[in-house]
Amino acid sequence: MEIQSFVVGPLLTNVYLLVEGGEAALIDPGGTSPELELALAQVKLRYILLTHGHFDHADYAELFRARTGAPILYHPAEKPTFWALGRTPPPLDQPLNEGDRLPLGSEELWVWHLPGHSPGSVAFLWEKGKIAWVGDVLFAGSVGRTDLPGGSWEELSRSLLRLLSLGEEWRILPGHGPATALAHERARNPFLRELVHGRA
């Protein structure tokens, strides 16, 4: 699978374009850029995937849907997140649920429901490549905030511990900032260390 990343918008959001077997998936289109537009013009978009509903991850979903005809997929529990922040939820062409498998070419993405940053936050896992796109659940050296409507530190803690159940070889591609390794975060991220220590 070919993975392209683009940084867009005032909050420097990571948008990911996954290309495999003649089709593509776009993750978290909260904005656009000339580079992203050029990349999209060269692929057949199969999915528009939202890890969650905050504007910096979702604002351009409907625009790209109108241009490409690709369906928008997100967790149904995110609809209140859009309303709470003054935005109308985009069309939910296909709801995402825990455990869903999304075919992409000869590969597939596995959906994990990881609430806490928002009620319907999800991650997309590529098991063969050991890569997880986690939105704003986990960052290099930090974790997602829980002070926005629908946020919950208790739920986020459970979601982070679930991510830690993945093997050391997994890479994390977050919604903001650099990619990181789960092994590195397990050892160095102060929030994860506190969670693990508190659980021990």
N, C-alpha and C. Protein backbone atom coordinates (compact mmCIF):
# COMPACT_ATOMS: atom_id res chain seq x y z
N MET A 1 0.84 -1.20 0.00
CA MET A 1 0.00 0.00 0.00
C MET A 1 0.88 1.25 0.00
N GLU A 2 0.54 2.18 -0.86
CA GLU A 2 1.25 3.45 -0.88
C GLU A 2 0.54 4.43 0.04
N ILE A 3 1.31 5.09 0.91
CA ILE A 3 0.75 6.03 1.87
C ILE A 3 1.34 7.41 1.62
N GLN A 4 0.47 8.37 1.35
CA GLN A 4 0.89 9.75 1.17
C GLN A 4 0.27 10.58 2.29
N SER A 5 1.02 11.56 2.77
CA SER A 5 0.50 12.43 3.83
C SER A 5 0.63 13.88 3.42
N PHE A 6 -0.32 14.68 3.88
CA PHE A 6 -0.38 16.10 3.55
C PHE A 6 -0.77 16.86 4.81
N VAL A 7 -0.14 17.98 5.05
CA VAL A 7 -0.47 18.82 6.20
C VAL A 7 -1.30 20.00 5.70
N VAL A 8 -2.50 20.17 6.28
CA VAL A 8 -3.43 21.17 5.77
C VAL A 8 -4.02 21.98 6.93
N GLY A 9 -4.51 23.17 6.59
CA GLY A 9 -5.33 23.96 7.50
C GLY A 9 -4.56 24.65 8.60
N PRO A 10 -5.26 25.53 9.34
CA PRO A 10 -4.61 26.33 10.39
C PRO A 10 -4.11 25.52 11.57
N LEU A 11 -4.69 24.34 11.79
CA LEU A 11 -4.24 23.49 12.90
C LEU A 11 -3.26 22.41 12.45
N LEU A 12 -2.77 22.54 11.23
CA LEU A 12 -1.75 21.62 10.70
C LEU A 12 -2.17 20.16 10.86
N THR A 13 -3.31 19.88 10.26
CA THR A 13 -3.87 18.53 10.32
C THR A 13 -3.22 17.62 9.30
N ASN A 14 -2.96 16.39 9.70
CA ASN A 14 -2.45 15.38 8.77
C ASN A 14 -3.61 14.73 8.01
N VAL A 15 -3.57 14.84 6.70
CA VAL A 15 -4.51 14.13 5.83
C VAL A 15 -3.72 13.02 5.15
N TYR A 16 -4.31 11.83 5.11
CA TYR A 16 -3.61 10.68 4.54
C TYR A 16 -4.37 10.15 3.32
N LEU A 17 -3.61 9.84 2.28
CA LEU A 17 -4.16 9.21 1.09
C LEU A 17 -3.51 7.84 0.95
N LEU A 18 -4.35 6.81 0.99
CA LEU A 18 -3.88 5.42 0.89
C LEU A 18 -4.25 4.91 -0.50
N VAL A 19 -3.27 4.40 -1.21
CA VAL A 19 -3.49 3.94 -2.58
C VAL A 19 -3.07 2.48 -2.67
N GLU A 20 -4.00 1.66 -3.17
CA GLU A 20 -3.72 0.22 -3.26
C GLU A 20 -4.61 -0.39 -4.33
N GLY A 21 -4.00 -1.10 -5.26
CA GLY A 21 -4.74 -1.87 -6.25
C GLY A 21 -5.67 -1.04 -7.11
N GLY A 22 -5.26 0.16 -7.47
CA GLY A 22 -6.05 0.99 -8.37
C GLY A 22 -7.14 1.79 -7.70
N GLU A 23 -7.21 1.77 -6.36
CA GLU A 23 -8.20 2.59 -5.66
C GLU A 23 -7.56 3.20 -4.43
N ALA A 24 -8.29 4.18 -3.85
CA ALA A 24 -7.68 4.95 -2.77
C ALA A 24 -8.69 5.25 -1.68
N ALA A 25 -8.16 5.54 -0.49
CA ALA A 25 -8.95 6.00 0.65
C ALA A 25 -8.33 7.29 1.15
N LEU A 26 -9.18 8.25 1.47
CA LEU A 26 -8.74 9.54 1.99
C LEU A 26 -9.16 9.63 3.45
N ILE A 27 -8.18 9.85 4.34
CA ILE A 27 -8.46 9.90 5.77
C ILE A 27 -8.35 11.34 6.27
N ASP A 28 -9.42 11.82 6.90
CA ASP A 28 -9.48 13.10 7.61
C ASP A 28 -9.23 14.33 6.74
N PRO A 29 -10.04 14.54 5.70
CA PRO A 29 -9.88 15.73 4.87
C PRO A 29 -10.45 16.98 5.53
N GLY A 30 -9.71 17.54 6.46
CA GLY A 30 -10.14 18.77 7.11
C GLY A 30 -9.78 20.02 6.34
N GLY A 31 -9.04 19.86 5.27
CA GLY A 31 -8.62 20.97 4.42
C GLY A 31 -8.06 20.41 3.15
N THR A 32 -7.43 21.29 2.37
CA THR A 32 -6.82 20.82 1.14
C THR A 32 -5.55 21.62 0.87
N SER A 33 -4.83 21.21 -0.15
CA SER A 33 -3.60 21.87 -0.56
C SER A 33 -3.37 21.54 -2.03
N PRO A 34 -2.55 22.31 -2.72
CA PRO A 34 -2.27 21.97 -4.12
C PRO A 34 -1.71 20.57 -4.28
N GLU A 35 -0.88 20.15 -3.35
CA GLU A 35 -0.29 18.81 -3.43
C GLU A 35 -1.35 17.73 -3.28
N LEU A 36 -2.28 17.94 -2.35
CA LEU A 36 -3.36 16.97 -2.15
C LEU A 36 -4.27 16.93 -3.37
N GLU A 37 -4.59 18.08 -3.92
CA GLU A 37 -5.46 18.13 -5.09
C GLU A 37 -4.83 17.37 -6.26
N LEU A 38 -3.53 17.55 -6.44
CA LEU A 38 -2.83 16.85 -7.52
C LEU A 38 -2.86 15.35 -7.30
N ALA A 39 -2.64 14.92 -6.07
CA ALA A 39 -2.64 13.49 -5.77
C ALA A 39 -4.02 12.89 -6.00
N LEU A 40 -5.06 13.61 -5.60
CA LEU A 40 -6.42 13.09 -5.77
C LEU A 40 -6.81 12.97 -7.24
N ALA A 41 -6.26 13.85 -8.06
CA ALA A 41 -6.57 13.82 -9.49
C ALA A 41 -6.02 12.58 -10.18
N GLN A 42 -5.12 11.86 -9.50
CA GLN A 42 -4.45 10.72 -10.12
C GLN A 42 -4.95 9.37 -9.60
N VAL A 43 -5.99 9.39 -8.75
CA VAL A 43 -6.47 8.13 -8.17
C VAL A 43 -7.98 8.02 -8.29
N LYS A 44 -8.46 6.81 -8.11
CA LYS A 44 -9.91 6.56 -8.01
C LYS A 44 -10.25 6.41 -6.54
N LEU A 45 -10.97 7.40 -6.00
CA LEU A 45 -11.23 7.43 -4.57
C LEU A 45 -12.41 6.51 -4.23
N ARG A 46 -12.16 5.54 -3.36
CA ARG A 46 -13.20 4.59 -2.95
C ARG A 46 -13.90 5.01 -1.66
N TYR A 47 -13.13 5.60 -0.73
CA TYR A 47 -13.69 5.99 0.56
C TYR A 47 -13.17 7.36 0.97
N ILE A 48 -14.02 8.10 1.70
CA ILE A 48 -13.60 9.25 2.49
C ILE A 48 -13.85 8.85 3.94
N LEU A 49 -12.78 8.70 4.71
CA LEU A 49 -12.84 8.14 6.05
C LEU A 49 -12.55 9.23 7.09
N LEU A 50 -13.41 9.33 8.09
CA LEU A 50 -13.22 10.31 9.15
C LEU A 50 -12.93 9.58 10.47
N THR A 51 -11.80 9.91 11.07
CA THR A 51 -11.53 9.35 12.40
C THR A 51 -12.46 9.95 13.44
N HIS A 52 -12.87 11.22 13.22
CA HIS A 52 -13.82 11.88 14.12
C HIS A 52 -14.34 13.14 13.43
N GLY A 53 -15.23 13.86 14.13
CA GLY A 53 -15.97 14.91 13.47
C GLY A 53 -15.52 16.33 13.69
N HIS A 54 -14.37 16.56 14.31
CA HIS A 54 -13.92 17.93 14.51
C HIS A 54 -13.58 18.58 13.16
N PHE A 55 -13.80 19.88 13.08
CA PHE A 55 -13.74 20.57 11.78
C PHE A 55 -12.41 20.38 11.08
N ASP A 56 -11.33 20.34 11.84
CA ASP A 56 -10.02 20.26 11.21
C ASP A 56 -9.74 18.89 10.61
N HIS A 57 -10.65 17.96 10.81
CA HIS A 57 -10.51 16.62 10.22
C HIS A 57 -11.62 16.30 9.22
N ALA A 58 -12.65 17.13 9.17
CA ALA A 58 -13.84 16.73 8.41
C ALA A 58 -14.40 17.80 7.47
N ASP A 59 -13.91 19.03 7.54
CA ASP A 59 -14.58 20.12 6.84
C ASP A 59 -14.63 19.98 5.32
N TYR A 60 -13.70 19.27 4.73
CA TYR A 60 -13.67 19.15 3.27
C TYR A 60 -14.26 17.82 2.79
N ALA A 61 -14.83 17.04 3.69
CA ALA A 61 -15.35 15.73 3.29
C ALA A 61 -16.45 15.85 2.23
N GLU A 62 -17.39 16.76 2.43
CA GLU A 62 -18.49 16.89 1.47
C GLU A 62 -18.01 17.42 0.13
N LEU A 63 -17.04 18.31 0.15
CA LEU A 63 -16.50 18.83 -1.11
C LEU A 63 -15.88 17.71 -1.93
N PHE A 64 -15.08 16.87 -1.29
CA PHE A 64 -14.45 15.77 -2.02
C PHE A 64 -15.47 14.71 -2.42
N ARG A 65 -16.51 14.54 -1.62
CA ARG A 65 -17.59 13.63 -2.00
C ARG A 65 -18.27 14.12 -3.27
N ALA A 66 -18.54 15.42 -3.33
CA ALA A 66 -19.20 15.98 -4.51
C ALA A 66 -18.33 15.86 -5.76
N ARG A 67 -17.03 15.99 -5.57
CA ARG A 67 -16.11 15.94 -6.71
C ARG A 67 -15.90 14.53 -7.22
N THR A 68 -15.85 13.57 -6.30
CA THR A 68 -15.40 12.23 -6.66
C THR A 68 -16.50 11.18 -6.63
N GLY A 69 -17.58 11.45 -5.92
CA GLY A 69 -18.63 10.45 -5.74
C GLY A 69 -18.31 9.42 -4.67
N ALA A 70 -17.16 9.56 -4.01
CA ALA A 70 -16.78 8.59 -2.97
C ALA A 70 -17.65 8.79 -1.74
N PRO A 71 -18.06 7.71 -1.07
CA PRO A 71 -18.90 7.82 0.12
C PRO A 71 -18.10 8.30 1.33
N ILE A 72 -18.82 8.95 2.24
CA ILE A 72 -18.24 9.38 3.51
C ILE A 72 -18.58 8.36 4.58
N LEU A 73 -17.56 7.91 5.31
CA LEU A 73 -17.75 6.92 6.37
C LEU A 73 -17.25 7.49 7.69
N TYR A 74 -18.10 7.41 8.71
CA TYR A 74 -17.67 7.75 10.07
C TYR A 74 -18.58 7.03 11.06
N HIS A 75 -18.22 7.09 12.33
CA HIS A 75 -19.00 6.39 13.35
C HIS A 75 -20.27 7.17 13.66
N PRO A 76 -21.42 6.52 13.76
CA PRO A 76 -22.67 7.23 14.03
C PRO A 76 -22.65 8.06 15.30
N ALA A 77 -21.85 7.65 16.29
CA ALA A 77 -21.78 8.41 17.54
C ALA A 77 -21.15 9.78 17.38
N GLU A 78 -20.60 10.06 16.19
CA GLU A 78 -19.99 11.38 15.95
C GLU A 78 -21.00 12.44 15.53
N LYS A 79 -22.20 12.06 15.19
CA LYS A 79 -23.17 13.09 14.75
C LYS A 79 -23.34 14.21 15.79
N PRO A 80 -23.48 13.90 17.08
CA PRO A 80 -23.59 14.99 18.07
C PRO A 80 -22.35 15.87 18.14
N THR A 81 -21.18 15.32 17.81
CA THR A 81 -19.95 16.11 17.82
C THR A 81 -20.04 17.24 16.81
N PHE A 82 -20.53 16.95 15.62
CA PHE A 82 -20.69 18.00 14.62
C PHE A 82 -21.64 19.08 15.12
N TRP A 83 -22.82 18.67 15.62
CA TRP A 83 -23.80 19.65 16.09
C TRP A 83 -23.24 20.48 17.23
N ALA A 84 -22.52 19.85 18.15
CA ALA A 84 -22.01 20.56 19.33
C ALA A 84 -21.04 21.66 18.97
N LEU A 85 -20.36 21.51 17.86
CA LEU A 85 -19.38 22.52 17.43
C LEU A 85 -19.93 23.39 16.31
N GLY A 86 -21.25 23.40 16.15
CA GLY A 86 -21.88 24.33 15.24
C GLY A 86 -21.83 23.95 13.78
N ARG A 87 -21.69 22.67 13.49
CA ARG A 87 -21.63 22.22 12.11
C ARG A 87 -22.67 21.13 11.85
N THR A 88 -23.20 21.14 10.64
CA THR A 88 -24.14 20.09 10.25
C THR A 88 -23.35 18.84 9.89
N PRO A 89 -23.71 17.68 10.42
CA PRO A 89 -22.98 16.46 10.06
C PRO A 89 -23.02 16.22 8.56
N PRO A 90 -21.90 15.80 7.97
CA PRO A 90 -21.93 15.45 6.55
C PRO A 90 -22.75 14.19 6.34
N PRO A 91 -23.15 13.90 5.11
CA PRO A 91 -23.90 12.66 4.84
C PRO A 91 -23.13 11.44 5.36
N LEU A 92 -23.84 10.59 6.07
CA LEU A 92 -23.23 9.34 6.55
C LEU A 92 -23.61 8.24 5.56
N ASP A 93 -22.78 8.12 4.53
CA ASP A 93 -23.09 7.17 3.46
C ASP A 93 -22.95 5.73 3.92
N GLN A 94 -22.01 5.51 4.83
CA GLN A 94 -21.81 4.16 5.37
C GLN A 94 -21.31 4.29 6.80
N PRO A 95 -22.07 3.86 7.79
CA PRO A 95 -21.61 3.98 9.17
C PRO A 95 -20.45 3.03 9.45
N LEU A 96 -19.53 3.51 10.26
CA LEU A 96 -18.42 2.68 10.72
C LEU A 96 -18.75 2.13 12.09
N ASN A 97 -18.46 0.87 12.29
CA ASN A 97 -18.69 0.23 13.58
C ASN A 97 -17.46 -0.57 13.99
N GLU A 98 -17.35 -0.80 15.28
CA GLU A 98 -16.25 -1.60 15.82
C GLU A 98 -16.13 -2.91 15.06
N GLY A 99 -14.90 -3.19 14.62
CA GLY A 99 -14.61 -4.46 13.97
C GLY A 99 -14.85 -4.51 12.47
N ASP A 100 -15.37 -3.43 11.89
CA ASP A 100 -15.58 -3.42 10.44
C ASP A 100 -14.27 -3.64 9.70
N ARG A 101 -14.36 -4.28 8.54
CA ARG A 101 -13.21 -4.47 7.65
C ARG A 101 -13.53 -3.77 6.34
N LEU A 102 -12.67 -2.88 5.92
CA LEU A 102 -12.88 -2.10 4.70
C LEU A 102 -11.88 -2.55 3.64
N PRO A 103 -12.34 -3.22 2.60
CA PRO A 103 -11.42 -3.65 1.54
C PRO A 103 -10.85 -2.44 0.79
N LEU A 104 -9.58 -2.52 0.47
CA LEU A 104 -8.92 -1.50 -0.36
C LEU A 104 -7.91 -2.23 -1.24
N GLY A 105 -8.25 -2.37 -2.53
CA GLY A 105 -7.41 -3.19 -3.39
C GLY A 105 -7.33 -4.60 -2.82
N SER A 106 -6.12 -5.09 -2.67
CA SER A 106 -5.93 -6.43 -2.11
C SER A 106 -5.70 -6.39 -0.59
N GLU A 107 -5.80 -5.20 -0.01
CA GLU A 107 -5.59 -5.04 1.42
C GLU A 107 -6.92 -4.71 2.09
N GLU A 108 -6.88 -4.51 3.41
CA GLU A 108 -8.07 -4.07 4.11
C GLU A 108 -7.68 -3.26 5.34
N LEU A 109 -8.60 -2.40 5.76
CA LEU A 109 -8.43 -1.61 6.97
C LEU A 109 -9.43 -2.12 8.01
N TRP A 110 -8.94 -2.25 9.22
CA TRP A 110 -9.74 -2.74 10.34
C TRP A 110 -10.14 -1.55 11.19
N VAL A 111 -11.41 -1.43 11.52
CA VAL A 111 -11.92 -0.29 12.27
C VAL A 111 -11.95 -0.62 13.76
N TRP A 112 -11.32 0.25 14.57
CA TRP A 112 -11.41 0.17 16.02
C TRP A 112 -12.14 1.40 16.52
N HIS A 113 -13.16 1.22 17.33
CA HIS A 113 -13.85 2.34 17.99
C HIS A 113 -13.07 2.70 19.24
N LEU A 114 -12.53 3.93 19.27
CA LEU A 114 -11.68 4.37 20.37
C LEU A 114 -12.19 5.70 20.93
N PRO A 115 -13.29 5.69 21.66
CA PRO A 115 -13.86 6.93 22.18
C PRO A 115 -12.99 7.56 23.26
N GLY A 116 -13.30 8.81 23.53
CA GLY A 116 -12.58 9.54 24.57
C GLY A 116 -12.28 10.95 24.13
N HIS A 117 -11.58 11.10 23.02
CA HIS A 117 -11.39 12.43 22.44
C HIS A 117 -12.73 12.96 21.95
N SER A 118 -13.53 12.06 21.40
CA SER A 118 -14.91 12.33 21.02
C SER A 118 -15.64 10.99 21.07
N PRO A 119 -16.97 11.01 21.13
CA PRO A 119 -17.70 9.74 21.33
C PRO A 119 -17.52 8.72 20.22
N GLY A 120 -17.35 9.18 18.98
CA GLY A 120 -17.26 8.26 17.87
C GLY A 120 -15.89 8.17 17.24
N SER A 121 -14.86 8.54 17.97
CA SER A 121 -13.50 8.46 17.42
C SER A 121 -13.18 7.01 17.05
N VAL A 122 -12.55 6.85 15.89
CA VAL A 122 -12.12 5.52 15.45
C VAL A 122 -10.68 5.58 14.98
N ALA A 123 -10.07 4.42 14.90
CA ALA A 123 -8.76 4.26 14.28
C ALA A 123 -8.91 3.27 13.13
N PHE A 124 -8.06 3.41 12.14
CA PHE A 124 -8.01 2.49 11.01
C PHE A 124 -6.69 1.74 11.08
N LEU A 125 -6.76 0.43 11.16
CA LEU A 125 -5.56 -0.39 11.32
C LEU A 125 -5.30 -1.20 10.05
N TRP A 126 -4.07 -1.14 9.59
CA TRP A 126 -3.62 -1.98 8.48
C TRP A 126 -2.74 -3.05 9.11
N GLU A 127 -3.32 -4.22 9.30
CA GLU A 127 -2.61 -5.27 10.04
C GLU A 127 -1.35 -5.74 9.33
N LYS A 128 -1.43 -5.91 8.02
CA LYS A 128 -0.27 -6.41 7.29
C LYS A 128 0.92 -5.46 7.40
N GLY A 129 0.65 -4.17 7.33
CA GLY A 129 1.72 -3.18 7.41
C GLY A 129 2.03 -2.72 8.82
N LYS A 130 1.24 -3.15 9.81
CA LYS A 130 1.43 -2.75 11.21
C LYS A 130 1.41 -1.23 11.35
N ILE A 131 0.37 -0.61 10.80
CA ILE A 131 0.21 0.84 10.87
C ILE A 131 -1.20 1.15 11.35
N ALA A 132 -1.32 2.13 12.25
CA ALA A 132 -2.62 2.57 12.75
C ALA A 132 -2.76 4.07 12.55
N TRP A 133 -3.84 4.46 11.88
CA TRP A 133 -4.20 5.87 11.75
C TRP A 133 -5.17 6.17 12.88
N VAL A 134 -4.77 7.01 13.83
CA VAL A 134 -5.49 7.11 15.10
C VAL A 134 -6.19 8.45 15.32
N GLY A 135 -6.18 9.34 14.33
CA GLY A 135 -6.81 10.64 14.54
C GLY A 135 -6.18 11.36 15.71
N ASP A 136 -7.02 11.86 16.62
CA ASP A 136 -6.52 12.63 17.76
C ASP A 136 -6.55 11.84 19.06
N VAL A 137 -6.48 10.52 18.97
CA VAL A 137 -6.44 9.69 20.18
C VAL A 137 -5.05 9.72 20.80
N LEU A 138 -4.03 9.58 19.97
CA LEU A 138 -2.64 9.48 20.44
C LEU A 138 -1.74 10.27 19.51
N PHE A 139 -0.78 11.01 20.11
CA PHE A 139 0.22 11.75 19.35
C PHE A 139 1.61 11.35 19.82
N ALA A 140 2.61 11.78 19.08
CA ALA A 140 3.98 11.61 19.53
C ALA A 140 4.18 12.45 20.79
N GLY A 141 4.35 11.80 21.91
CA GLY A 141 4.60 12.48 23.16
C GLY A 141 3.38 13.01 23.88
N SER A 142 2.19 12.79 23.35
CA SER A 142 1.00 13.33 23.99
C SER A 142 -0.22 12.47 23.64
N VAL A 143 -1.39 12.92 24.09
CA VAL A 143 -2.65 12.23 23.81
C VAL A 143 -3.70 13.28 23.49
N GLY A 144 -4.86 12.81 23.01
CA GLY A 144 -5.92 13.72 22.64
C GLY A 144 -6.53 14.43 23.83
N ARG A 145 -7.01 15.64 23.58
CA ARG A 145 -7.68 16.40 24.63
C ARG A 145 -9.08 15.83 24.88
N THR A 146 -9.59 16.07 26.08
CA THR A 146 -10.91 15.54 26.42
C THR A 146 -11.84 16.63 26.93
N ASP A 147 -11.47 17.91 26.73
CA ASP A 147 -12.27 19.01 27.26
C ASP A 147 -13.27 19.57 26.26
N LEU A 148 -13.36 18.98 25.07
CA LEU A 148 -14.35 19.40 24.10
C LEU A 148 -15.64 18.60 24.32
N PRO A 149 -16.78 19.07 23.77
CA PRO A 149 -18.04 18.35 23.98
C PRO A 149 -17.94 16.87 23.61
N GLY A 150 -18.38 16.02 24.53
CA GLY A 150 -18.34 14.57 24.29
C GLY A 150 -17.04 13.91 24.69
N GLY A 151 -16.06 14.69 25.12
CA GLY A 151 -14.79 14.11 25.53
C GLY A 151 -14.87 13.45 26.89
N SER A 152 -14.03 12.45 27.12
CA SER A 152 -14.03 11.73 28.40
C SER A 152 -12.63 11.15 28.63
N TRP A 153 -11.99 11.58 29.72
CA TRP A 153 -10.67 11.03 30.01
C TRP A 153 -10.76 9.55 30.38
N GLU A 154 -11.83 9.16 31.05
CA GLU A 154 -11.99 7.75 31.41
C GLU A 154 -12.06 6.89 30.15
N GLU A 155 -12.86 7.31 29.17
CA GLU A 155 -12.96 6.54 27.94
C GLU A 155 -11.66 6.59 27.14
N LEU A 156 -11.03 7.76 27.10
CA LEU A 156 -9.76 7.87 26.37
C LEU A 156 -8.71 6.95 26.99
N SER A 157 -8.70 6.87 28.30
CA SER A 157 -7.73 5.99 28.97
C SER A 157 -7.91 4.55 28.52
N ARG A 158 -9.16 4.10 28.45
CA ARG A 158 -9.41 2.73 27.99
C ARG A 158 -8.98 2.56 26.54
N SER A 159 -9.22 3.57 25.73
CA SER A 159 -8.83 3.49 24.31
C SER A 159 -7.32 3.43 24.17
N LEU A 160 -6.61 4.21 24.97
CA LEU A 160 -5.15 4.21 24.90
C LEU A 160 -4.58 2.86 25.36
N LEU A 161 -5.16 2.30 26.40
CA LEU A 161 -4.70 0.98 26.85
C LEU A 161 -4.96 -0.07 25.78
N ARG A 162 -6.05 0.09 25.05
CA ARG A 162 -6.33 -0.85 23.97
C ARG A 162 -5.28 -0.73 22.88
N LEU A 163 -4.92 0.50 22.53
CA LEU A 163 -3.86 0.68 21.53
C LEU A 163 -2.56 0.04 21.99
N LEU A 164 -2.29 0.15 23.27
CA LEU A 164 -1.06 -0.44 23.81
C LEU A 164 -1.05 -1.96 23.71
N SER A 165 -2.23 -2.56 23.48
CA SER A 165 -2.28 -4.02 23.33
C SER A 165 -1.70 -4.47 22.00
N LEU A 166 -1.52 -3.53 21.07
CA LEU A 166 -0.88 -3.87 19.80
C LEU A 166 0.60 -4.17 20.02
N GLY A 167 1.20 -4.85 19.09
CA GLY A 167 2.60 -5.22 19.23
C GLY A 167 3.55 -4.04 19.13
N GLU A 168 4.75 -4.24 19.61
CA GLU A 168 5.77 -3.20 19.64
C GLU A 168 6.12 -2.68 18.25
N GLU A 169 5.88 -3.51 17.23
CA GLU A 169 6.32 -3.13 15.89
C GLU A 169 5.35 -2.16 15.19
N TRP A 170 4.22 -1.86 15.79
CA TRP A 170 3.23 -1.01 15.14
C TRP A 170 3.68 0.45 15.09
N ARG A 171 3.37 1.09 13.96
CA ARG A 171 3.60 2.52 13.79
C ARG A 171 2.29 3.27 13.95
N ILE A 172 2.37 4.46 14.49
CA ILE A 172 1.20 5.30 14.74
C ILE A 172 1.27 6.52 13.83
N LEU A 173 0.22 6.73 13.04
CA LEU A 173 0.12 7.92 12.19
C LEU A 173 -1.01 8.78 12.76
N PRO A 174 -0.66 9.85 13.47
CA PRO A 174 -1.66 10.64 14.19
C PRO A 174 -2.28 11.74 13.34
N GLY A 175 -3.28 12.39 13.92
CA GLY A 175 -3.98 13.46 13.22
C GLY A 175 -3.19 14.75 13.15
N HIS A 176 -2.20 14.91 14.00
CA HIS A 176 -1.34 16.09 14.01
C HIS A 176 0.07 15.64 14.39
N GLY A 177 1.07 16.32 13.86
CA GLY A 177 2.44 16.04 14.26
C GLY A 177 3.04 14.84 13.57
N PRO A 178 4.25 14.48 13.97
CA PRO A 178 4.98 13.41 13.28
C PRO A 178 4.45 12.02 13.58
N ALA A 179 4.74 11.10 12.66
CA ALA A 179 4.48 9.69 12.92
C ALA A 179 5.37 9.23 14.07
N THR A 180 4.96 8.15 14.70
CA THR A 180 5.74 7.65 15.82
C THR A 180 5.60 6.14 15.88
N ALA A 181 6.35 5.53 16.76
CA ALA A 181 6.31 4.09 16.96
C ALA A 181 5.63 3.80 18.29
N LEU A 182 4.78 2.79 18.31
CA LEU A 182 4.08 2.45 19.54
C LEU A 182 5.06 2.08 20.65
N ALA A 183 6.14 1.40 20.29
CA ALA A 183 7.14 1.03 21.30
C ALA A 183 7.74 2.28 21.94
N HIS A 184 8.00 3.30 21.12
CA HIS A 184 8.57 4.55 21.63
C HIS A 184 7.57 5.24 22.57
N GLU A 185 6.31 5.28 22.15
CA GLU A 185 5.30 5.94 22.99
C GLU A 185 5.09 5.19 24.29
N ARG A 186 5.11 3.89 24.21
CA ARG A 186 4.95 3.09 25.43
C ARG A 186 6.06 3.42 26.43
N ALA A 187 7.26 3.64 25.94
CA ALA A 187 8.40 3.88 26.81
C ALA A 187 8.56 5.34 27.23
N ARG A 188 8.16 6.28 26.34
CA ARG A 188 8.51 7.68 26.57
C ARG A 188 7.33 8.63 26.77
N ASN A 189 6.15 8.25 26.28
CA ASN A 189 5.00 9.15 26.39
C ASN A 189 4.55 9.22 27.85
N PRO A 190 4.61 10.41 28.47
CA PRO A 190 4.30 10.48 29.92
C PRO A 190 2.86 10.07 30.25
N PHE A 191 1.93 10.33 29.35
CA PHE A 191 0.54 9.96 29.60
C PHE A 191 0.36 8.44 29.58
N LEU A 192 1.03 7.79 28.64
CA LEU A 192 0.92 6.33 28.58
C LEU A 192 1.66 5.67 29.74
N ARG A 193 2.78 6.24 30.09
CA ARG A 193 3.53 5.66 31.22
C ARG A 193 2.72 5.76 32.50
N GLU A 194 2.01 6.87 32.68
CA GLU A 194 1.19 7.03 33.87
C GLU A 194 0.03 6.04 33.86
N LEU A 195 -0.57 5.83 32.67
CA LEU A 195 -1.66 4.86 32.56
C LEU A 195 -1.17 3.46 32.90
N VAL A 196 -0.07 3.06 32.31
CA VAL A 196 0.46 1.71 32.55
C VAL A 196 0.85 1.54 34.00
N HIS A 197 1.50 2.55 34.55
CA HIS A 197 1.94 2.48 35.95
C HIS A 197 0.74 2.38 36.87
N GLY A 198 -0.31 3.17 36.57
CA GLY A 198 -1.49 3.16 37.42
C GLY A 198 -2.24 1.85 37.35
N ARG A 199 -2.09 1.15 36.21
CA ARG A 199 -2.79 -0.12 36.02
C ARG A 199 -2.05 -1.27 36.67
N ALA A 200 -0.70 -1.10 36.77
CA ALA A 200 0.14 -2.19 37.30
C ALA A 200 -0.12 -2.42 38.79
